N, C-alpha and C. Protein backbone atom coordinates (compact mmCIF):
# COMPACT_ATOMS: atom_id res chain seq x y z
N UNK A 1 149.49 91.55 -134.19
CA UNK A 1 148.52 90.07 -134.25
C UNK A 1 147.52 90.52 -133.08
N UNK A 2 145.95 90.01 -133.43
CA UNK A 2 144.96 90.44 -132.25
C UNK A 2 144.18 88.82 -132.12
N UNK A 3 144.16 88.70 -131.45
CA UNK A 3 143.22 87.49 -130.44
C UNK A 3 141.93 87.70 -130.60
N UNK A 4 141.07 86.67 -130.41
CA UNK A 4 139.81 86.60 -130.32
C UNK A 4 138.64 88.26 -129.75
N UNK A 5 139.59 88.20 -128.77
CA UNK A 5 138.43 89.71 -127.75
C UNK A 5 139.26 91.18 -128.57
N UNK A 6 139.97 91.32 -129.33
CA UNK A 6 140.47 92.61 -129.95
C UNK A 6 141.76 92.93 -129.24
N UNK A 7 142.22 91.96 -128.38
CA UNK A 7 143.76 92.47 -127.82
C UNK A 7 144.67 92.49 -128.35
N UNK A 8 145.80 93.33 -128.25
CA UNK A 8 147.13 92.55 -128.88
C UNK A 8 147.39 91.46 -128.39
N UNK A 9 147.98 90.54 -129.49
CA UNK A 9 148.80 89.58 -128.18
C UNK A 9 150.25 89.82 -127.98
N UNK A 10 150.73 89.72 -127.09
CA UNK A 10 152.12 89.85 -126.86
C UNK A 10 153.14 88.61 -128.06
N UNK A 11 154.19 89.08 -128.15
CA UNK A 11 154.93 88.35 -128.78
C UNK A 11 155.95 87.40 -128.19
N UNK A 12 156.21 87.98 -127.03
CA UNK A 12 157.23 87.40 -126.20
C UNK A 12 156.89 86.70 -125.08
N UNK A 13 157.72 85.55 -124.60
CA UNK A 13 156.99 84.03 -123.57
C UNK A 13 156.74 84.95 -122.44
N UNK A 14 157.93 86.41 -122.33
CA UNK A 14 157.62 86.90 -121.25
C UNK A 14 156.67 87.91 -120.88
N UNK A 15 156.51 88.29 -121.96
CA UNK A 15 155.10 89.45 -122.08
C UNK A 15 153.67 88.18 -121.96
N UNK A 16 153.64 87.11 -122.60
CA UNK A 16 152.63 85.87 -122.17
C UNK A 16 152.56 85.57 -120.88
N UNK A 17 153.75 85.67 -120.34
CA UNK A 17 153.46 84.91 -118.97
C UNK A 17 153.14 85.78 -118.38
N UNK A 18 153.14 86.93 -117.86
CA UNK A 18 153.18 88.24 -117.16
C UNK A 18 151.55 88.60 -117.74
N UNK A 19 151.28 88.38 -118.71
CA UNK A 19 149.57 88.45 -119.45
C UNK A 19 148.74 87.56 -118.31
N UNK A 20 149.43 86.34 -118.42
CA UNK A 20 149.02 85.30 -117.45
C UNK A 20 148.81 85.44 -116.08
N UNK A 21 149.77 85.94 -115.61
CA UNK A 21 149.99 86.50 -114.37
C UNK A 21 148.98 87.18 -113.60
N UNK A 22 148.51 88.01 -114.82
CA UNK A 22 147.54 89.29 -114.30
C UNK A 22 146.58 88.79 -113.89
N UNK A 23 146.16 87.25 -113.90
CA UNK A 23 144.94 86.93 -113.82
C UNK A 23 144.69 87.02 -112.17
N UNK A 24 145.76 86.90 -111.77
CA UNK A 24 145.82 86.82 -110.31
C UNK A 24 145.23 88.04 -109.33
N UNK A 25 145.25 89.28 -110.30
CA UNK A 25 144.62 90.70 -109.89
C UNK A 25 143.17 90.30 -109.74
N UNK A 26 142.80 91.31 -108.90
CA UNK A 26 140.98 91.43 -109.12
C UNK A 26 140.27 91.47 -110.33
N UNK A 27 139.22 90.94 -110.54
CA UNK A 27 138.88 91.03 -112.06
C UNK A 27 138.23 92.55 -112.59
N UNK A 28 137.75 93.39 -111.99
CA UNK A 28 138.12 94.85 -112.41
C UNK A 28 139.15 95.37 -112.81
N UNK A 29 140.01 95.18 -111.67
CA UNK A 29 141.29 95.92 -112.32
C UNK A 29 141.97 95.15 -113.27
N UNK A 30 141.96 94.02 -113.57
CA UNK A 30 142.60 93.28 -114.94
C UNK A 30 141.50 93.51 -115.74
N UNK A 31 140.66 94.05 -116.04
CA UNK A 31 139.93 94.36 -117.35
C UNK A 31 140.08 95.64 -117.53
N UNK A 32 140.38 96.27 -116.40
CA UNK A 32 140.62 97.96 -116.88
C UNK A 32 142.38 98.04 -117.41
N UNK A 33 143.05 97.47 -116.94
CA UNK A 33 144.31 97.81 -116.69
C UNK A 33 145.35 96.62 -117.55
N UNK A 34 144.96 95.37 -117.66
CA UNK A 34 145.69 94.43 -118.24
C UNK A 34 146.51 94.81 -119.38
N UNK A 35 145.62 95.17 -120.38
CA UNK A 35 146.25 95.42 -121.75
C UNK A 35 147.40 96.10 -121.75
N UNK A 36 146.79 97.25 -121.14
CA UNK A 36 148.01 98.36 -121.15
C UNK A 36 149.17 97.65 -120.19
N UNK A 37 149.30 97.20 -119.31
CA UNK A 37 150.22 96.58 -118.37
C UNK A 37 150.88 95.81 -119.19
N UNK A 38 150.34 94.59 -120.05
CA UNK A 38 150.83 93.37 -120.65
C UNK A 38 151.84 94.19 -121.87
N UNK A 39 151.37 95.44 -122.57
CA UNK A 39 152.00 96.21 -123.93
C UNK A 39 153.16 96.63 -123.16
N UNK A 40 153.05 97.45 -121.89
CA UNK A 40 154.41 97.85 -121.31
C UNK A 40 155.35 96.90 -121.21
N UNK A 41 154.89 95.95 -120.62
CA UNK A 41 155.71 95.08 -120.51
C UNK A 41 156.88 94.19 -121.52
N UNK A 42 155.89 94.07 -122.83
CA UNK A 42 156.20 93.43 -124.00
C UNK A 42 157.20 94.49 -124.66
N UNK A 43 156.56 95.60 -124.46
CA UNK A 43 157.58 96.86 -124.83
C UNK A 43 159.18 96.96 -124.06
N UNK A 44 158.80 96.61 -122.79
CA UNK A 44 160.22 96.78 -122.14
C UNK A 44 161.04 95.72 -121.81
N UNK A 45 160.65 94.30 -122.46
CA UNK A 45 161.31 93.13 -122.67
C UNK A 45 161.84 93.10 -124.11
N UNK A 46 161.16 93.90 -125.19
CA UNK A 46 161.53 94.27 -126.60
C UNK A 46 162.80 95.24 -126.69
N UNK A 47 162.66 95.99 -125.78
CA UNK A 47 164.05 97.34 -125.67
C UNK A 47 165.35 96.43 -124.75
N UNK A 48 164.98 95.57 -124.15
CA UNK A 48 165.64 95.12 -123.02
C UNK A 48 166.45 93.69 -124.04
N UNK A 49 165.95 93.39 -125.16
CA UNK A 49 166.68 92.55 -125.95
C UNK A 49 168.42 92.42 -126.09
N UNK A 50 168.66 93.44 -126.75
CA UNK A 50 170.15 94.06 -126.96
C UNK A 50 171.12 94.22 -125.58
N UNK A 51 170.23 94.21 -124.38
CA UNK A 51 171.02 94.67 -123.17
C UNK A 51 171.74 93.46 -122.81
N UNK A 52 171.32 92.41 -122.99
CA UNK A 52 172.06 91.46 -122.31
C UNK A 52 171.55 90.43 -121.20
N UNK A 53 172.13 89.52 -120.84
CA UNK A 53 171.52 88.61 -119.85
C UNK A 53 171.30 89.20 -118.30
N UNK A 54 172.42 90.24 -117.86
CA UNK A 54 172.26 90.34 -116.26
C UNK A 54 171.25 91.71 -116.36
N UNK A 55 171.28 92.40 -117.77
CA UNK A 55 169.90 93.72 -117.88
C UNK A 55 168.91 93.02 -117.62
N UNK A 56 168.52 91.66 -118.45
CA UNK A 56 167.20 91.22 -118.45
C UNK A 56 166.73 90.55 -117.52
N UNK A 57 168.15 89.86 -116.33
CA UNK A 57 167.39 89.33 -115.22
C UNK A 57 167.02 90.41 -114.38
N UNK A 58 167.81 91.35 -114.52
CA UNK A 58 167.36 92.81 -113.63
C UNK A 58 165.81 93.46 -113.77
N UNK A 59 165.32 93.11 -115.07
CA UNK A 59 164.22 93.85 -115.32
C UNK A 59 162.95 92.78 -114.90
N UNK A 60 163.52 91.56 -115.35
CA UNK A 60 162.16 90.35 -114.97
C UNK A 60 161.86 90.46 -113.52
N UNK A 61 162.83 90.49 -112.74
CA UNK A 61 163.36 90.55 -111.32
C UNK A 61 162.14 91.99 -111.11
N UNK A 62 162.60 93.08 -111.34
CA UNK A 62 161.56 93.94 -111.33
C UNK A 62 160.26 94.28 -111.61
N UNK A 63 160.18 93.41 -112.55
CA UNK A 63 158.44 92.96 -113.08
C UNK A 63 157.70 92.01 -112.11
N UNK A 64 158.40 91.14 -111.86
CA UNK A 64 157.89 90.33 -110.78
C UNK A 64 157.61 90.96 -109.41
N UNK A 65 158.40 91.37 -109.29
CA UNK A 65 158.41 92.19 -107.69
C UNK A 65 157.20 93.35 -107.71
N UNK A 66 157.07 93.93 -108.95
CA UNK A 66 156.16 95.16 -108.88
C UNK A 66 154.41 94.32 -109.33
N UNK A 67 154.58 93.48 -109.87
CA UNK A 67 153.94 92.18 -109.89
C UNK A 67 153.11 92.01 -108.59
N UNK A 68 153.80 91.51 -107.85
CA UNK A 68 153.42 90.80 -106.55
C UNK A 68 152.47 92.07 -105.66
N UNK A 69 153.74 93.21 -105.45
CA UNK A 69 153.10 94.37 -104.69
C UNK A 69 151.60 94.68 -105.69
N UNK A 70 151.32 94.59 -106.86
CA UNK A 70 150.33 94.94 -107.14
C UNK A 70 149.34 94.25 -106.83
N UNK A 71 149.53 92.52 -106.79
CA UNK A 71 148.72 92.28 -106.84
C UNK A 71 147.77 91.71 -105.55
N UNK A 72 148.92 92.01 -104.21
CA UNK A 72 148.31 92.41 -103.08
C UNK A 72 147.54 93.69 -102.82
N UNK A 73 148.22 94.89 -103.21
CA UNK A 73 147.60 96.06 -102.90
C UNK A 73 145.99 96.01 -103.59
N UNK A 74 145.91 95.36 -104.86
CA UNK A 74 144.40 95.38 -105.60
C UNK A 74 143.22 94.93 -104.81
N UNK A 75 144.18 93.43 -103.71
CA UNK A 75 143.05 92.60 -103.53
C UNK A 75 142.70 93.27 -102.31
N UNK A 76 143.89 93.68 -101.26
CA UNK A 76 143.29 94.48 -100.29
C UNK A 76 142.58 95.65 -100.51
N UNK A 77 142.82 96.49 -101.72
CA UNK A 77 141.53 97.62 -101.70
C UNK A 77 140.11 96.99 -102.13
N UNK A 78 139.78 95.59 -102.69
CA UNK A 78 138.88 95.13 -102.32
C UNK A 78 137.83 94.52 -101.42
N UNK A 79 138.71 94.58 -100.63
CA UNK A 79 138.13 94.24 -98.82
C UNK A 79 137.50 92.40 -98.98
N UNK A 80 138.02 92.28 -99.86
CA UNK A 80 138.09 90.55 -99.69
C UNK A 80 139.26 90.16 -98.70
N UNK A 81 140.03 90.29 -98.53
CA UNK A 81 140.66 89.58 -97.21
C UNK A 81 139.90 89.72 -96.07
N UNK A 82 139.99 91.23 -95.63
CA UNK A 82 139.19 91.62 -94.51
C UNK A 82 137.54 90.95 -94.06
N UNK A 83 137.17 90.48 -95.09
CA UNK A 83 136.02 89.93 -95.09
C UNK A 83 136.12 88.02 -94.52
N UNK A 84 137.30 88.24 -95.19
CA UNK A 84 137.53 86.45 -95.28
C UNK A 84 138.08 86.07 -94.12
N UNK A 85 139.06 87.22 -93.64
CA UNK A 85 139.53 87.26 -91.74
C UNK A 85 137.99 87.18 -90.89
N UNK A 86 137.76 87.93 -91.07
CA UNK A 86 135.87 87.99 -90.44
C UNK A 86 135.53 86.69 -90.48
N UNK A 87 135.21 86.64 -91.48
CA UNK A 87 134.56 85.14 -91.57
C UNK A 87 134.84 84.31 -91.02
N UNK A 88 136.30 84.01 -91.23
CA UNK A 88 137.17 83.09 -90.61
C UNK A 88 137.46 82.83 -88.98
N UNK A 89 137.24 84.39 -88.44
CA UNK A 89 137.25 84.22 -87.13
C UNK A 89 136.00 84.00 -86.76
N UNK A 90 134.77 84.51 -87.23
CA UNK A 90 133.45 84.23 -87.02
C UNK A 90 133.08 82.73 -86.80
N UNK A 91 133.26 82.01 -87.90
CA UNK A 91 133.66 80.40 -87.66
C UNK A 91 134.62 79.75 -87.00
N UNK A 92 135.39 80.30 -86.47
CA UNK A 92 136.48 79.53 -85.32
C UNK A 92 135.66 79.86 -83.94
N UNK A 93 135.11 81.12 -83.71
CA UNK A 93 134.70 81.45 -82.47
C UNK A 93 133.36 80.73 -82.35
N UNK A 94 132.45 80.58 -83.43
CA UNK A 94 131.14 79.69 -83.22
C UNK A 94 131.42 78.13 -82.80
N UNK A 95 132.64 77.62 -83.42
CA UNK A 95 132.88 76.29 -83.12
C UNK A 95 133.46 76.18 -82.12
N UNK A 96 134.26 77.32 -81.43
CA UNK A 96 134.69 77.11 -80.36
C UNK A 96 133.49 77.29 -78.92
N UNK A 97 132.32 78.23 -79.44
CA UNK A 97 131.52 77.93 -78.41
C UNK A 97 130.54 76.89 -78.42
N UNK A 98 130.59 76.15 -79.65
CA UNK A 98 129.79 74.85 -79.33
C UNK A 98 130.62 73.80 -78.90
N UNK A 99 132.11 74.01 -78.87
CA UNK A 99 132.83 72.89 -78.27
C UNK A 99 132.38 73.01 -76.95
N UNK A 100 132.32 74.30 -76.45
CA UNK A 100 132.83 74.35 -75.26
C UNK A 100 131.34 73.94 -74.07
N UNK A 101 130.30 74.18 -74.98
CA UNK A 101 128.64 73.91 -74.54
C UNK A 101 128.44 72.31 -74.64
N UNK A 102 129.10 71.50 -75.39
CA UNK A 102 129.12 70.23 -75.16
C UNK A 102 129.74 69.18 -73.68
N UNK A 103 129.03 68.60 -73.69
CA UNK A 103 129.17 67.55 -72.51
C UNK A 103 130.64 67.02 -72.53
N UNK A 104 131.53 67.12 -71.60
CA UNK A 104 133.07 66.82 -71.63
C UNK A 104 132.94 65.29 -71.48
N UNK A 105 132.12 64.50 -71.45
CA UNK A 105 132.06 63.18 -71.28
C UNK A 105 131.44 62.20 -72.11
N UNK A 106 132.19 61.12 -71.87
CA UNK A 106 131.35 60.64 -73.61
C UNK A 106 129.89 60.07 -73.41
N UNK A 107 129.20 60.51 -74.58
CA UNK A 107 127.91 60.02 -74.51
C UNK A 107 127.39 58.22 -74.58
N UNK A 108 126.79 57.79 -73.73
CA UNK A 108 126.64 56.63 -73.38
C UNK A 108 125.39 56.17 -74.53
N UNK A 109 125.77 54.78 -75.22
CA UNK A 109 125.09 54.31 -76.48
C UNK A 109 123.62 53.28 -75.71
N UNK A 110 122.81 53.79 -76.38
CA UNK A 110 121.60 52.89 -75.78
C UNK A 110 121.50 51.57 -75.84
N UNK A 111 121.24 50.54 -74.49
CA UNK A 111 121.23 49.21 -74.50
C UNK A 111 120.15 48.71 -75.51
N UNK A 112 119.06 49.39 -75.42
CA UNK A 112 117.75 48.89 -76.46
C UNK A 112 118.11 49.09 -78.05
N UNK A 113 117.81 48.50 -78.69
CA UNK A 113 117.48 48.70 -80.39
C UNK A 113 116.95 49.81 -80.79
N UNK A 114 115.44 50.18 -79.69
CA UNK A 114 114.56 50.53 -80.41
C UNK A 114 115.30 52.19 -79.83
N UNK A 115 116.02 52.29 -79.14
CA UNK A 115 116.71 53.65 -78.56
C UNK A 115 117.80 53.81 -79.47
N UNK A 116 118.67 52.68 -80.00
CA UNK A 116 119.76 53.04 -80.71
C UNK A 116 119.08 53.49 -82.23
N UNK A 117 117.64 52.82 -82.55
CA UNK A 117 117.35 52.99 -84.35
C UNK A 117 116.70 54.64 -83.82
N UNK A 118 116.29 54.97 -82.75
CA UNK A 118 115.45 56.37 -82.83
C UNK A 118 116.91 57.48 -82.66
N UNK A 119 118.10 56.94 -82.15
CA UNK A 119 119.63 57.97 -82.19
C UNK A 119 120.11 57.59 -83.53
N UNK A 120 119.69 56.98 -84.44
CA UNK A 120 120.46 56.83 -85.72
C UNK A 120 119.52 57.80 -86.74
N UNK A 121 118.35 57.70 -86.39
CA UNK A 121 117.55 58.27 -87.13
C UNK A 121 117.42 60.35 -86.84
N UNK A 122 117.54 60.25 -85.92
CA UNK A 122 117.94 62.02 -85.48
C UNK A 122 119.10 62.22 -85.69
N UNK A 123 120.15 61.46 -85.85
CA UNK A 123 121.66 61.67 -86.32
C UNK A 123 121.59 62.09 -87.72
N UNK A 124 120.65 61.19 -88.37
CA UNK A 124 120.47 61.10 -90.13
C UNK A 124 119.91 62.36 -90.54
N UNK A 125 118.74 62.54 -89.56
CA UNK A 125 117.66 63.77 -90.15
C UNK A 125 118.74 65.16 -89.93
N UNK A 126 119.44 65.11 -88.87
CA UNK A 126 119.93 66.38 -88.39
C UNK A 126 121.35 66.60 -89.41
N UNK A 127 122.01 65.46 -90.02
CA UNK A 127 122.64 65.78 -91.09
C UNK A 127 122.00 66.17 -92.47
N UNK A 128 120.96 65.19 -92.69
CA UNK A 128 120.21 65.94 -94.04
C UNK A 128 120.06 67.40 -94.00
N UNK A 129 119.49 67.61 -92.51
CA UNK A 129 118.96 69.28 -92.85
C UNK A 129 120.33 70.06 -92.50
N UNK A 130 121.44 69.90 -92.10
CA UNK A 130 122.22 70.31 -92.52
C UNK A 130 122.90 70.74 -93.82
N UNK A 131 123.09 69.27 -94.51
CA UNK A 131 123.47 69.25 -96.10
C UNK A 131 122.34 70.60 -96.86
N UNK A 132 120.80 70.32 -96.50
CA UNK A 132 120.13 70.98 -97.13
C UNK A 132 120.27 72.77 -96.86
N UNK A 133 120.62 73.22 -95.63
CA UNK A 133 120.83 74.54 -94.98
C UNK A 133 122.09 74.97 -95.84
N UNK A 134 123.27 73.90 -95.72
CA UNK A 134 124.29 74.57 -96.00
C UNK A 134 124.51 74.97 -97.89
N UNK A 135 123.22 73.64 -98.63
CA UNK A 135 123.41 73.85 -100.08
C UNK A 135 122.67 75.29 -100.06
N UNK A 136 121.15 75.66 -99.45
CA UNK A 136 120.75 76.93 -99.76
C UNK A 136 121.66 78.00 -99.42
N UNK A 137 122.41 78.21 -98.56
CA UNK A 137 123.56 79.21 -98.09
C UNK A 137 124.43 79.41 -99.00
N UNK A 138 125.53 77.98 -99.64
CA UNK A 138 126.12 78.44 -100.76
C UNK A 138 125.63 78.90 -102.03
N UNK A 139 124.60 78.52 -102.47
CA UNK A 139 123.79 78.79 -103.40
C UNK A 139 123.41 80.37 -103.38
N UNK A 140 122.65 80.78 -102.45
CA UNK A 140 122.67 82.40 -102.42
C UNK A 140 124.02 82.99 -102.61
N UNK A 141 125.48 82.35 -101.66
CA UNK A 141 126.19 83.17 -101.82
C UNK A 141 127.39 82.92 -102.92
N UNK A 142 126.82 82.23 -103.94
CA UNK A 142 127.87 81.87 -105.36
C UNK A 142 127.01 82.67 -106.20
N UNK A 143 125.49 82.95 -106.32
CA UNK A 143 124.75 82.98 -107.25
C UNK A 143 124.66 84.59 -107.08
N UNK A 144 124.76 85.23 -106.15
CA UNK A 144 124.77 86.47 -105.84
C UNK A 144 125.85 87.26 -106.76
N UNK A 145 126.96 86.99 -106.84
CA UNK A 145 128.04 87.63 -107.82
C UNK A 145 127.79 87.64 -109.26
N UNK A 146 127.26 86.31 -109.43
CA UNK A 146 126.51 85.78 -111.02
C UNK A 146 125.32 86.82 -111.48
N UNK A 147 124.40 87.40 -110.66
CA UNK A 147 123.57 88.28 -110.85
C UNK A 147 124.11 89.71 -111.26
N UNK A 148 125.23 89.98 -110.02
CA UNK A 148 125.58 91.37 -110.37
C UNK A 148 126.42 91.45 -111.75
N UNK A 149 127.48 90.49 -112.04
CA UNK A 149 127.93 90.59 -113.29
C UNK A 149 126.98 90.63 -114.42
N UNK A 150 125.59 90.02 -114.24
CA UNK A 150 124.63 90.22 -115.78
C UNK A 150 123.83 91.42 -115.74
N UNK A 151 123.50 92.51 -114.51
CA UNK A 151 123.34 93.58 -114.72
C UNK A 151 124.20 94.39 -115.56
N UNK A 152 125.56 94.06 -115.61
CA UNK A 152 126.36 95.27 -116.66
C UNK A 152 125.90 95.45 -117.71
């Protein structure tokens, strides 16, 4: 029985759950190996149906452990965890430097209404500029992988 994409659809619920769990793997790995891996698990589950409950339980524990190891190893091979760790470390370092540069004394609120209006205007302008810059950065960040996918 085939689905819309021409891939064989596994018959057992365990093989279907395994196929869905393969979406935890990186996309390139999943495209290349998911069909074969799902077929192997479906065949092993089909062979184990006559083996009994304990043997089936041991099989699924082994399959789950193998899948967990595969997910971790394949994501480590992509380099994304290292990139995420360095990005997080950079953000924490920048925040710490900015926090150390600030005065550790409370900011006095101006007494006159004109000064309060000016501070409010500056605060709102800074907030709007921050939102605009964040939008531009995130647009480039998320649009880049989409453009790379379309070239293939």
